[in-house]
Amino acid sequence: RGIIRLANEMGIKNVLAGEDDVKCLAERACSGESLPVQLFHEFGERLKEVLNPFIQSFQPDAILIGGQIAKSSDLFSLGQIAGVPVRISTDMSVSALRGVYQLFKNHDN
């Protein structure tokens, strides 16, 4: 929804509120269309801004991006946020479950 809202703010035409439209915007950005390229860049900058306070207080070793947004993560090139590496999950089906498992596993020790 954030990408769709930002696309509307930027005046990008032919965007509806749906997952398929984010995919379409990503395809448009990959083909070099200027506004969608700017859209994903701006989304990445805003994502960094939102995550930065949490990174500062929690001080994680890494940040993992997963889910559907991970499919277009190369378009908003996060690399690092506040010096913390950003990793992209390619396994969309079980990544969250692995994280929960590690949380409980580490809690028991």
PDB file of N, CA and C in Angstrom:
ATOM      1  N   ARG A   1       0.819  -1.201   0.000  1.00  0.00           N
ATOM      2  CA  ARG A   1       0.000   0.000   0.000  1.00  0.00           C
ATOM      3  C   ARG A   1       0.853   1.251   0.000  1.00  0.00           C
ATOM      4  N   GLY A   2       1.999   1.192   0.682  1.00  0.00           N
ATOM      5  CA  GLY A   2       2.870   2.356   0.724  1.00  0.00           C
ATOM      6  C   GLY A   2       3.403   2.723  -0.643  1.00  0.00           C
ATOM      7  N   ILE A   3       3.750   1.725  -1.422  1.00  0.00           N
ATOM      8  CA  ILE A   3       4.269   1.991  -2.768  1.00  0.00           C
ATOM      9  C   ILE A   3       3.170   2.580  -3.649  1.00  0.00           C
ATOM     10  N   ILE A   4       1.972   2.046  -3.538  1.00  0.00           N
ATOM     11  CA  ILE A   4       0.843   2.574  -4.329  1.00  0.00           C
ATOM     12  C   ILE A   4       0.545   4.011  -3.924  1.00  0.00           C
ATOM     13  N   ARG A   5       0.521   4.277  -2.617  1.00  0.00           N
ATOM     14  CA  ARG A   5       0.242   5.638  -2.143  1.00  0.00           C
ATOM     15  C   ARG A   5       1.327   6.605  -2.635  1.00  0.00           C
ATOM     16  N   LEU A   6       2.586   6.189  -2.550  1.00  0.00           N
ATOM     17  CA  LEU A   6       3.679   7.033  -3.015  1.00  0.00           C
ATOM     18  C   LEU A   6       3.589   7.264  -4.522  1.00  0.00           C
ATOM     19  N   ALA A   7       3.220   6.236  -5.268  1.00  0.00           N
ATOM     20  CA  ALA A   7       3.050   6.384  -6.723  1.00  0.00           C
ATOM     21  C   ALA A   7       1.978   7.425  -7.026  1.00  0.00           C
ATOM     22  N   ASN A   8       0.890   7.384  -6.278  1.00  0.00           N
ATOM     23  CA  ASN A   8      -0.166   8.376  -6.479  1.00  0.00           C
ATOM     24  C   ASN A   8       0.317   9.778  -6.120  1.00  0.00           C
ATOM     25  N   GLU A   9       1.093   9.894  -5.013  1.00  0.00           N
ATOM     26  CA  GLU A   9       1.647  11.196  -4.620  1.00  0.00           C
ATOM     27  C   GLU A   9       2.559  11.759  -5.705  1.00  0.00           C
ATOM     28  N   MET A  10       3.294  10.869  -6.361  1.00  0.00           N
ATOM     29  CA  MET A  10       4.250  11.295  -7.393  1.00  0.00           C
ATOM     30  C   MET A  10       3.582  11.520  -8.743  1.00  0.00           C
ATOM     31  N   GLY A  11       2.290  11.241  -8.828  1.00  0.00           N
ATOM     32  CA  GLY A  11       1.572  11.476 -10.072  1.00  0.00           C
ATOM     33  C   GLY A  11       1.778  10.407 -11.129  1.00  0.00           C
ATOM     34  N   ILE A  12       2.181   9.218 -10.707  1.00  0.00           N
ATOM     35  CA  ILE A  12       2.362   8.127 -11.666  1.00  0.00           C
ATOM     36  C   ILE A  12       0.982   7.634 -12.093  1.00  0.00           C
ATOM     37  N   LYS A  13       0.769   7.570 -13.380  1.00  0.00           N
ATOM     38  CA  LYS A  13      -0.543   7.229 -13.940  1.00  0.00           C
ATOM     39  C   LYS A  13      -0.752   5.723 -14.031  1.00  0.00           C
ATOM     40  N   ASN A  14      -2.022   5.351 -14.144  1.00  0.00           N
ATOM     41  CA  ASN A  14      -2.441   3.957 -14.356  1.00  0.00           C
ATOM     42  C   ASN A  14      -2.044   3.030 -13.216  1.00  0.00           C
ATOM     43  N   VAL A  15      -2.244   3.484 -11.980  1.00  0.00           N
ATOM     44  CA  VAL A  15      -1.920   2.666 -10.815  1.00  0.00           C
ATOM     45  C   VAL A  15      -3.180   2.457  -9.999  1.00  0.00           C
ATOM     46  N   LEU A  16      -3.513   1.208  -9.765  1.00  0.00           N
ATOM     47  CA  LEU A  16      -4.630   0.854  -8.905  1.00  0.00           C
ATOM     48  C   LEU A  16      -4.063   0.303  -7.603  1.00  0.00           C
ATOM     49  N   ALA A  17      -4.893   0.150  -6.596  1.00  0.00           N
ATOM     50  CA  ALA A  17      -4.440  -0.369  -5.303  1.00  0.00           C
ATOM     51  C   ALA A  17      -4.497  -1.888  -5.311  1.00  0.00           C
ATOM     52  N   GLY A  18      -3.407  -2.514  -5.684  1.00  0.00           N
ATOM     53  CA  GLY A  18      -3.352  -3.970  -5.679  1.00  0.00           C
ATOM     54  C   GLY A  18      -1.943  -4.471  -5.863  1.00  0.00           C
ATOM     55  N   GLU A  19      -1.730  -5.698  -5.450  1.00  0.00           N
ATOM     56  CA  GLU A  19      -0.400  -6.309  -5.542  1.00  0.00           C
ATOM     57  C   GLU A  19       0.104  -6.362  -6.976  1.00  0.00           C
ATOM     58  N   ASP A  20      -0.806  -6.637  -7.921  1.00  0.00           N
ATOM     59  CA  ASP A  20      -0.403  -6.705  -9.322  1.00  0.00           C
ATOM     60  C   ASP A  20       0.143  -5.372  -9.808  1.00  0.00           C
ATOM     61  N   ASP A  21      -0.382  -4.276  -9.256  1.00  0.00           N
ATOM     62  CA  ASP A  21       0.092  -2.974  -9.698  1.00  0.00           C
ATOM     63  C   ASP A  21       1.487  -2.657  -9.175  1.00  0.00           C
ATOM     64  N   VAL A  22       1.844  -3.170  -7.991  1.00  0.00           N
ATOM     65  CA  VAL A  22       3.217  -3.000  -7.517  1.00  0.00           C
ATOM     66  C   VAL A  22       4.153  -3.782  -8.429  1.00  0.00           C
ATOM     67  N   LYS A  23       3.716  -4.966  -8.824  1.00  0.00           N
ATOM     68  CA  LYS A  23       4.508  -5.762  -9.762  1.00  0.00           C
ATOM     69  C   LYS A  23       4.664  -5.013 -11.087  1.00  0.00           C
ATOM     70  N   CYS A  24       3.592  -4.416 -11.552  1.00  0.00           N
ATOM     71  CA  CYS A  24       3.630  -3.636 -12.797  1.00  0.00           C
ATOM     72  C   CYS A  24       4.566  -2.440 -12.661  1.00  0.00           C
ATOM     73  N   LEU A  25       4.510  -1.757 -11.527  1.00  0.00           N
ATOM     74  CA  LEU A  25       5.406  -0.627 -11.290  1.00  0.00           C
ATOM     75  C   LEU A  25       6.862  -1.082 -11.268  1.00  0.00           C
ATOM     76  N   ALA A  26       7.111  -2.232 -10.674  1.00  0.00           N
ATOM     77  CA  ALA A  26       8.474  -2.780 -10.646  1.00  0.00           C
ATOM     78  C   ALA A  26       8.945  -3.096 -12.060  1.00  0.00           C
ATOM     79  N   GLU A  27       8.059  -3.673 -12.864  1.00  0.00           N
ATOM     80  CA  GLU A  27       8.416  -3.972 -14.254  1.00  0.00           C
ATOM     81  C   GLU A  27       8.701  -2.689 -15.029  1.00  0.00           C
ATOM     82  N   ARG A  28       7.903  -1.657 -14.770  1.00  0.00           N
ATOM     83  CA  ARG A  28       8.120  -0.377 -15.432  1.00  0.00           C
ATOM     84  C   ARG A  28       9.461   0.229 -15.013  1.00  0.00           C
ATOM     85  N   ALA A  29       9.801   0.091 -13.728  1.00  0.00           N
ATOM     86  CA  ALA A  29      11.092   0.596 -13.246  1.00  0.00           C
ATOM     87  C   ALA A  29      12.243  -0.192 -13.863  1.00  0.00           C
ATOM     88  N   CYS A  30      12.084  -1.511 -13.951  1.00  0.00           N
ATOM     89  CA  CYS A  30      13.137  -2.352 -14.549  1.00  0.00           C
ATOM     90  C   CYS A  30      13.357  -2.016 -16.016  1.00  0.00           C
ATOM     91  N   SER A  31      12.306  -1.561 -16.668  1.00  0.00           N
ATOM     92  CA  SER A  31      12.457  -1.198 -18.080  1.00  0.00           C
ATOM     93  C   SER A  31      13.037   0.205 -18.239  1.00  0.00           C
ATOM     94  N   GLY A  32      13.274   0.882 -17.124  1.00  0.00           N
ATOM     95  CA  GLY A  32      13.928   2.184 -17.180  1.00  0.00           C
ATOM     96  C   GLY A  32      13.014   3.379 -17.180  1.00  0.00           C
ATOM     97  N   GLU A  33      11.714   3.172 -16.998  1.00  0.00           N
ATOM     98  CA  GLU A  33      10.781   4.299 -16.967  1.00  0.00           C
ATOM     99  C   GLU A  33      11.119   5.196 -15.772  1.00  0.00           C
ATOM    100  N   SER A  34      11.314   6.456 -16.032  1.00  0.00           N
ATOM    101  CA  SER A  34      11.872   7.400 -15.063  1.00  0.00           C
ATOM    102  C   SER A  34      11.095   7.495 -13.743  1.00  0.00           C
ATOM    103  N   LEU A  35       9.806   7.782 -13.796  1.00  0.00           N
ATOM    104  CA  LEU A  35       9.046   7.969 -12.559  1.00  0.00           C
ATOM    105  C   LEU A  35       9.004   6.703 -11.694  1.00  0.00           C
ATOM    106  N   PRO A  36       8.753   5.519 -12.248  1.00  0.00           N
ATOM    107  CA  PRO A  36       8.811   4.329 -11.391  1.00  0.00           C
ATOM    108  C   PRO A  36      10.200   4.082 -10.795  1.00  0.00           C
ATOM    109  N   VAL A  37      11.261   4.406 -11.515  1.00  0.00           N
ATOM    110  CA  VAL A  37      12.613   4.286 -10.955  1.00  0.00           C
ATOM    111  C   VAL A  37      12.733   5.213  -9.747  1.00  0.00           C
ATOM    112  N   GLN A  38      12.290   6.451  -9.897  1.00  0.00           N
ATOM    113  CA  GLN A  38      12.324   7.412  -8.795  1.00  0.00           C
ATOM    114  C   GLN A  38      11.453   6.953  -7.633  1.00  0.00           C
ATOM    115  N   LEU A  39      10.305   6.348  -7.957  1.00  0.00           N
ATOM    116  CA  LEU A  39       9.387   5.842  -6.945  1.00  0.00           C
ATOM    117  C   LEU A  39      10.084   4.842  -6.029  1.00  0.00           C
ATOM    118  N   PHE A  40      10.739   3.848  -6.601  1.00  0.00           N
ATOM    119  CA  PHE A  40      11.380   2.827  -5.780  1.00  0.00           C
ATOM    120  C   PHE A  40      12.579   3.387  -5.016  1.00  0.00           C
ATOM    121  N   HIS A  41      13.284   4.333  -5.629  1.00  0.00           N
ATOM    122  CA  HIS A  41      14.379   4.976  -4.910  1.00  0.00           C
ATOM    123  C   HIS A  41      13.847   5.717  -3.678  1.00  0.00           C
ATOM    124  N   GLU A  42      12.782   6.475  -3.875  1.00  0.00           N
ATOM    125  CA  GLU A  42      12.173   7.236  -2.775  1.00  0.00           C
ATOM    126  C   GLU A  42      11.620   6.299  -1.706  1.00  0.00           C
ATOM    127  N   PHE A  43      11.020   5.198  -2.129  1.00  0.00           N
ATOM    128  CA  PHE A  43      10.505   4.215  -1.168  1.00  0.00           C
ATOM    129  C   PHE A  43      11.648   3.685  -0.301  1.00  0.00           C
ATOM    130  N   GLY A  44      12.780   3.384  -0.919  1.00  0.00           N
ATOM    131  CA  GLY A  44      13.947   2.903  -0.172  1.00  0.00           C
ATOM    132  C   GLY A  44      14.438   3.937   0.825  1.00  0.00           C
ATOM    133  N   GLU A  45      14.479   5.201   0.418  1.00  0.00           N
ATOM    134  CA  GLU A  45      14.912   6.264   1.324  1.00  0.00           C
ATOM    135  C   GLU A  45      13.956   6.394   2.512  1.00  0.00           C
ATOM    136  N   ARG A  46      12.678   6.311   2.243  1.00  0.00           N
ATOM    137  CA  ARG A  46      11.688   6.410   3.331  1.00  0.00           C
ATOM    138  C   ARG A  46      11.764   5.189   4.246  1.00  0.00           C
ATOM    139  N   LEU A  47      11.997   4.033   3.676  1.00  0.00           N
ATOM    140  CA  LEU A  47      12.128   2.821   4.476  1.00  0.00           C
ATOM    141  C   LEU A  47      13.333   2.936   5.419  1.00  0.00           C
ATOM    142  N   LYS A  48      14.441   3.438   4.903  1.00  0.00           N
ATOM    143  CA  LYS A  48      15.623   3.657   5.739  1.00  0.00           C
ATOM    144  C   LYS A  48      15.303   4.612   6.888  1.00  0.00           C
ATOM    145  N   GLU A  49      14.599   5.680   6.565  1.00  0.00           N
ATOM    146  CA  GLU A  49      14.252   6.689   7.565  1.00  0.00           C
ATOM    147  C   GLU A  49      13.370   6.098   8.666  1.00  0.00           C
ATOM    148  N   VAL A  50      12.432   5.257   8.272  1.00  0.00           N
ATOM    149  CA  VAL A  50      11.529   4.645   9.247  1.00  0.00           C
ATOM    150  C   VAL A  50      12.260   3.623  10.113  1.00  0.00           C
ATOM    151  N   LEU A  51      13.143   2.847   9.518  1.00  0.00           N
ATOM    152  CA  LEU A  51      13.839   1.794  10.264  1.00  0.00           C
ATOM    153  C   LEU A  51      14.978   2.311  11.132  1.00  0.00           C
ATOM    154  N   ASN A  52      15.549   3.444  10.787  1.00  0.00           N
ATOM    155  CA  ASN A  52      16.727   3.946  11.474  1.00  0.00           C
ATOM    156  C   ASN A  52      16.578   4.042  12.998  1.00  0.00           C
ATOM    157  N   PRO A  53      15.498   4.611  13.541  1.00  0.00           N
ATOM    158  CA  PRO A  53      15.393   4.683  15.009  1.00  0.00           C
ATOM    159  C   PRO A  53      15.363   3.293  15.669  1.00  0.00           C
ATOM    160  N   PHE A  54      14.730   2.342  15.010  1.00  0.00           N
ATOM    161  CA  PHE A  54      14.677   0.989  15.562  1.00  0.00           C
ATOM    162  C   PHE A  54      16.054   0.337  15.525  1.00  0.00           C
ATOM    163  N   ILE A  55      16.782   0.602  14.464  1.00  0.00           N
ATOM    164  CA  ILE A  55      18.135   0.061  14.344  1.00  0.00           C
ATOM    165  C   ILE A  55      19.031   0.660  15.424  1.00  0.00           C
ATOM    166  N   GLN A  56      18.901   1.946  15.647  1.00  0.00           N
ATOM    167  CA  GLN A  56      19.709   2.610  16.662  1.00  0.00           C
ATOM    168  C   GLN A  56      19.434   2.048  18.060  1.00  0.00           C
ATOM    169  N   SER A  57      18.180   1.783  18.375  1.00  0.00           N
ATOM    170  CA  SER A  57      17.857   1.293  19.720  1.00  0.00           C
ATOM    171  C   SER A  57      18.086  -0.214  19.870  1.00  0.00           C
ATOM    172  N   PHE A  58      17.802  -0.977  18.846  1.00  0.00           N
ATOM    173  CA  PHE A  58      17.920  -2.439  18.935  1.00  0.00           C
ATOM    174  C   PHE A  58      19.325  -2.931  18.599  1.00  0.00           C
ATOM    175  N   GLN A  59      20.015  -2.235  17.715  1.00  0.00           N
ATOM    176  CA  GLN A  59      21.362  -2.572  17.259  1.00  0.00           C
ATOM    177  C   GLN A  59      21.481  -4.012  16.746  1.00  0.00           C
ATOM    178  N   PRO A  60      20.715  -4.345  15.703  1.00  0.00           N
ATOM    179  CA  PRO A  60      20.777  -5.706  15.147  1.00  0.00           C
ATOM    180  C   PRO A  60      22.071  -5.935  14.372  1.00  0.00           C
ATOM    181  N   ASP A  61      22.403  -7.207  14.175  1.00  0.00           N
ATOM    182  CA  ASP A  61      23.559  -7.568  13.355  1.00  0.00           C
ATOM    183  C   ASP A  61      23.251  -7.423  11.873  1.00  0.00           C
ATOM    184  N   ALA A  62      21.985  -7.589  11.528  1.00  0.00           N
ATOM    185  CA  ALA A  62      21.545  -7.489  10.135  1.00  0.00           C
ATOM    186  C   ALA A  62      20.045  -7.241  10.116  1.00  0.00           C
ATOM    187  N   ILE A  63      19.571  -6.815   8.969  1.00  0.00           N
ATOM    188  CA  ILE A  63      18.139  -6.629   8.742  1.00  0.00           C
ATOM    189  C   ILE A  63      17.749  -7.555   7.616  1.00  0.00           C
ATOM    190  N   LEU A  64      16.674  -8.278   7.802  1.00  0.00           N
ATOM    191  CA  LEU A  64      16.193  -9.214   6.790  1.00  0.00           C
ATOM    192  C   LEU A  64      14.900  -8.688   6.197  1.00  0.00           C
ATOM    193  N   ILE A  65      14.874  -8.537   4.895  1.00  0.00           N
ATOM    194  CA  ILE A  65      13.672  -8.126   4.174  1.00  0.00           C
ATOM    195  C   ILE A  65      13.116  -9.371   3.498  1.00  0.00           C
ATOM    196  N   GLY A  66      11.856  -9.655   3.752  1.00  0.00           N
ATOM    197  CA  GLY A  66      11.218 -10.823   3.151  1.00  0.00           C
ATOM    198  C   GLY A  66       9.826 -10.476   2.668  1.00  0.00           C
ATOM    199  N   GLY A  67       9.105 -11.454   2.263  1.00  0.00           N
ATOM    200  CA  GLY A  67       7.757 -11.248   1.761  1.00  0.00           C
ATOM    201  C   GLY A  67       7.765 -10.779   0.316  1.00  0.00           C
ATOM    202  N   GLN A  68       6.629 -10.316  -0.125  1.00  0.00           N
ATOM    203  CA  GLN A  68       6.482  -9.914  -1.524  1.00  0.00           C
ATOM    204  C   GLN A  68       7.376  -8.737  -1.897  1.00  0.00           C
ATOM    205  N   ILE A  69       7.613  -7.834  -0.944  1.00  0.00           N
ATOM    206  CA  ILE A  69       8.417  -6.655  -1.253  1.00  0.00           C
ATOM    207  C   ILE A  69       9.858  -7.034  -1.578  1.00  0.00           C
ATOM    208  N   ALA A  70      10.304  -8.169  -1.084  1.00  0.00           N
ATOM    209  CA  ALA A  70      11.675  -8.617  -1.348  1.00  0.00           C
ATOM    210  C   ALA A  70      11.909  -8.864  -2.834  1.00  0.00           C
ATOM    211  N   LYS A  71      10.846  -9.167  -3.550  1.00  0.00           N
ATOM    212  CA  LYS A  71      10.982  -9.437  -4.984  1.00  0.00           C
ATOM    213  C   LYS A  71      11.463  -8.219  -5.765  1.00  0.00           C
ATOM    214  N   SER A  72      11.183  -7.018  -5.264  1.00  0.00           N
ATOM    215  CA  SER A  72      11.619  -5.813  -5.971  1.00  0.00           C
ATOM    216  C   SER A  72      12.668  -5.037  -5.174  1.00  0.00           C
ATOM    217  N   SER A  73      13.287  -5.691  -4.222  1.00  0.00           N
ATOM    218  CA  SER A  73      14.236  -5.004  -3.344  1.00  0.00           C
ATOM    219  C   SER A  73      15.438  -4.430  -4.080  1.00  0.00           C
ATOM    220  N   ASP A  74      15.819  -5.030  -5.190  1.00  0.00           N
ATOM    221  CA  ASP A  74      16.952  -4.489  -5.945  1.00  0.00           C
ATOM    222  C   ASP A  74      16.641  -3.095  -6.502  1.00  0.00           C
ATOM    223  N   LEU A  75      15.363  -2.755  -6.601  1.00  0.00           N
ATOM    224  CA  LEU A  75      14.975  -1.442  -7.125  1.00  0.00           C
ATOM    225  C   LEU A  75      15.124  -0.331  -6.099  1.00  0.00           C
ATOM    226  N   PHE A  76      15.094  -0.676  -4.806  1.00  0.00           N
ATOM    227  CA  PHE A  76      15.280   0.373  -3.812  1.00  0.00           C
ATOM    228  C   PHE A  76      16.581   0.212  -3.051  1.00  0.00           C
ATOM    229  N   SER A  77      17.475  -0.583  -3.549  1.00  0.00           N
ATOM    230  CA  SER A  77      18.864  -0.765  -3.122  1.00  0.00           C
ATOM    231  C   SER A  77      19.188  -0.236  -1.730  1.00  0.00           C
ATOM    232  N   LEU A  78      18.864  -1.024  -0.744  1.00  0.00           N
ATOM    233  CA  LEU A  78      19.109  -0.609   0.631  1.00  0.00           C
ATOM    234  C   LEU A  78      20.565  -0.795   1.043  1.00  0.00           C
ATOM    235  N   GLY A  79      21.181  -1.899   0.665  1.00  0.00           N
ATOM    236  CA  GLY A  79      22.583  -2.140   1.004  1.00  0.00           C
ATOM    237  C   GLY A  79      22.824  -2.197   2.496  1.00  0.00           C
ATOM    238  N   GLN A  80      22.856  -1.033   3.114  1.00  0.00           N
ATOM    239  CA  GLN A  80      23.008  -0.919   4.557  1.00  0.00           C
ATOM    240  C   GLN A  80      22.101   0.198   5.047  1.00  0.00           C
ATOM    241  N   ILE A  81      21.676   0.061   6.289  1.00  0.00           N
ATOM    242  CA  ILE A  81      20.925   1.119   6.939  1.00  0.00           C
ATOM    243  C   ILE A  81      21.652   1.400   8.247  1.00  0.00           C
ATOM    244  N   ALA A  82      22.123   2.597   8.419  1.00  0.00           N
ATOM    245  CA  ALA A  82      22.861   2.995   9.617  1.00  0.00           C
ATOM    246  C   ALA A  82      24.009   2.036   9.897  1.00  0.00           C
ATOM    247  N   GLY A  83      24.687   1.594   8.837  1.00  0.00           N
ATOM    248  CA  GLY A  83      25.826   0.706   8.989  1.00  0.00           C
ATOM    249  C   GLY A  83      25.491  -0.756   9.200  1.00  0.00           C
ATOM    250  N   VAL A  84      24.213  -1.100   9.194  1.00  0.00           N
ATOM    251  CA  VAL A  84      23.775  -2.479   9.394  1.00  0.00           C
ATOM    252  C   VAL A  84      23.434  -3.081   8.032  1.00  0.00           C
ATOM    253  N   PRO A  85      24.012  -4.244   7.699  1.00  0.00           N
ATOM    254  CA  PRO A  85      23.731  -4.838   6.391  1.00  0.00           C
ATOM    255  C   PRO A  85      22.275  -5.280   6.263  1.00  0.00           C
ATOM    256  N   VAL A  86      21.747  -5.091   5.066  1.00  0.00           N
ATOM    257  CA  VAL A  86      20.384  -5.522   4.755  1.00  0.00           C
ATOM    258  C   VAL A  86      20.480  -6.764   3.891  1.00  0.00           C
ATOM    259  N   ARG A  87      19.812  -7.809   4.314  1.00  0.00           N
ATOM    260  CA  ARG A  87      19.805  -9.053   3.557  1.00  0.00           C
ATOM    261  C   ARG A  87      18.393  -9.285   3.039  1.00  0.00           C
ATOM    262  N   ILE A  88      18.320  -9.878   1.871  1.00  0.00           N
ATOM    263  CA  ILE A  88      17.040 -10.132   1.229  1.00  0.00           C
ATOM    264  C   ILE A  88      16.777 -11.633   1.247  1.00  0.00           C
ATOM    265  N   SER A  89      15.603 -12.006   1.737  1.00  0.00           N
ATOM    266  CA  SER A  89      15.220 -13.404   1.772  1.00  0.00           C
ATOM    267  C   SER A  89      14.658 -13.810   0.420  1.00  0.00           C
ATOM    268  N   THR A  90      15.165 -14.911  -0.109  1.00  0.00           N
ATOM    269  CA  THR A  90      14.625 -15.423  -1.365  1.00  0.00           C
ATOM    270  C   THR A  90      13.605 -16.516  -1.116  1.00  0.00           C
ATOM    271  N   ASP A  91      13.524 -16.989   0.114  1.00  0.00           N
ATOM    272  CA  ASP A  91      12.588 -18.055   0.475  1.00  0.00           C
ATOM    273  C   ASP A  91      11.360 -17.417   1.111  1.00  0.00           C
ATOM    274  N   MET A  92      10.374 -17.104   0.301  1.00  0.00           N
ATOM    275  CA  MET A  92       9.213 -16.373   0.774  1.00  0.00           C
ATOM    276  C   MET A  92       8.284 -17.207   1.663  1.00  0.00           C
ATOM    277  N   SER A  93       8.363 -18.519   1.566  1.00  0.00           N
ATOM    278  CA  SER A  93       7.360 -19.349   2.232  1.00  0.00           C
ATOM    279  C   SER A  93       7.631 -19.602   3.701  1.00  0.00           C
ATOM    280  N   VAL A  94       8.886 -19.730   4.117  1.00  0.00           N
ATOM    281  CA  VAL A  94       9.146 -20.126   5.493  1.00  0.00           C
ATOM    282  C   VAL A  94      10.065 -19.172   6.263  1.00  0.00           C
ATOM    283  N   SER A  95      10.431 -18.065   5.701  1.00  0.00           N
ATOM    284  CA  SER A  95      11.362 -17.150   6.364  1.00  0.00           C
ATOM    285  C   SER A  95      10.850 -16.681   7.716  1.00  0.00           C
ATOM    286  N   ALA A  96       9.602 -16.287   7.779  1.00  0.00           N
ATOM    287  CA  ALA A  96       9.049 -15.804   9.049  1.00  0.00           C
ATOM    288  C   ALA A  96       9.052 -16.910  10.093  1.00  0.00           C
ATOM    289  N   LEU A  97       8.733 -18.118   9.667  1.00  0.00           N
ATOM    290  CA  LEU A  97       8.727 -19.230  10.619  1.00  0.00           C
ATOM    291  C   LEU A  97      10.125 -19.525  11.139  1.00  0.00           C
ATOM    292  N   ARG A  98      11.122 -19.397  10.289  1.00  0.00           N
ATOM    293  CA  ARG A  98      12.500 -19.599  10.742  1.00  0.00           C
ATOM    294  C   ARG A  98      12.889 -18.539  11.767  1.00  0.00           C
ATOM    295  N   GLY A  99      12.484 -17.322  11.547  1.00  0.00           N
ATOM    296  CA  GLY A  99      12.786 -16.256  12.498  1.00  0.00           C
ATOM    297  C   GLY A  99      12.141 -16.497  13.842  1.00  0.00           C
ATOM    298  N   VAL A 100      10.895 -16.908  13.836  1.00  0.00           N
ATOM    299  CA  VAL A 100      10.198 -17.217  15.084  1.00  0.00           C
ATOM    300  C   VAL A 100      10.870 -18.389  15.783  1.00  0.00           C
ATOM    301  N   TYR A 101      11.251 -19.403  15.024  1.00  0.00           N
ATOM    302  CA  TYR A 101      11.948 -20.553  15.590  1.00  0.00           C
ATOM    303  C   TYR A 101      13.234 -20.115  16.286  1.00  0.00           C
ATOM    304  N   GLN A 102      14.025 -19.283  15.615  1.00  0.00           N
ATOM    305  CA  GLN A 102      15.287 -18.816  16.201  1.00  0.00           C
ATOM    306  C   GLN A 102      15.041 -17.993  17.460  1.00  0.00           C
ATOM    307  N   LEU A 103      13.994 -17.184  17.449  1.00  0.00           N
ATOM    308  CA  LEU A 103      13.655 -16.388  18.609  1.00  0.00           C
ATOM    309  C   LEU A 103      13.375 -17.277  19.814  1.00  0.00           C
ATOM    310  N   PHE A 104      12.543 -18.308  19.619  1.00  0.00           N
ATOM    311  CA  PHE A 104      12.216 -19.187  20.735  1.00  0.00           C
ATOM    312  C   PHE A 104      13.390 -20.076  21.111  1.00  0.00           C
ATOM    313  N   LYS A 105      14.157 -20.510  20.130  1.00  0.00           N
ATOM    314  CA  LYS A 105      15.331 -21.340  20.388  1.00  0.00           C
ATOM    315  C   LYS A 105      16.344 -20.575  21.243  1.00  0.00           C
ATOM    316  N   ASN A 106      16.595 -19.344  20.888  1.00  0.00           N
ATOM    317  CA  ASN A 106      17.542 -18.522  21.644  1.00  0.00           C
ATOM    318  C   ASN A 106      17.006 -18.147  23.022  1.00  0.00           C
ATOM    319  N   HIS A 107      15.708 -18.032  23.134  1.00  0.00           N
ATOM    320  CA  HIS A 107      15.070 -17.681  24.409  1.00  0.00           C
ATOM    321  C   HIS A 107      15.226 -18.833  25.418  1.00  0.00           C
ATOM    322  N   ASP A 108      15.178 -20.068  24.943  1.00  0.00           N
ATOM    323  CA  ASP A 108      15.294 -21.225  25.830  1.00  0.00           C
ATOM    324  C   ASP A 108      16.701 -21.409  26.369  1.00  0.00           C
ATOM    325  N   ASN A 109      17.688 -20.880  25.695  1.00  0.00           N
ATOM    326  CA  ASN A 109      19.092 -21.058  26.113  1.00  0.00           C
ATOM    327  C   ASN A 109      19.480 -20.076  27.142  1.00  0.00           C
TER     328      ASN A 109
END
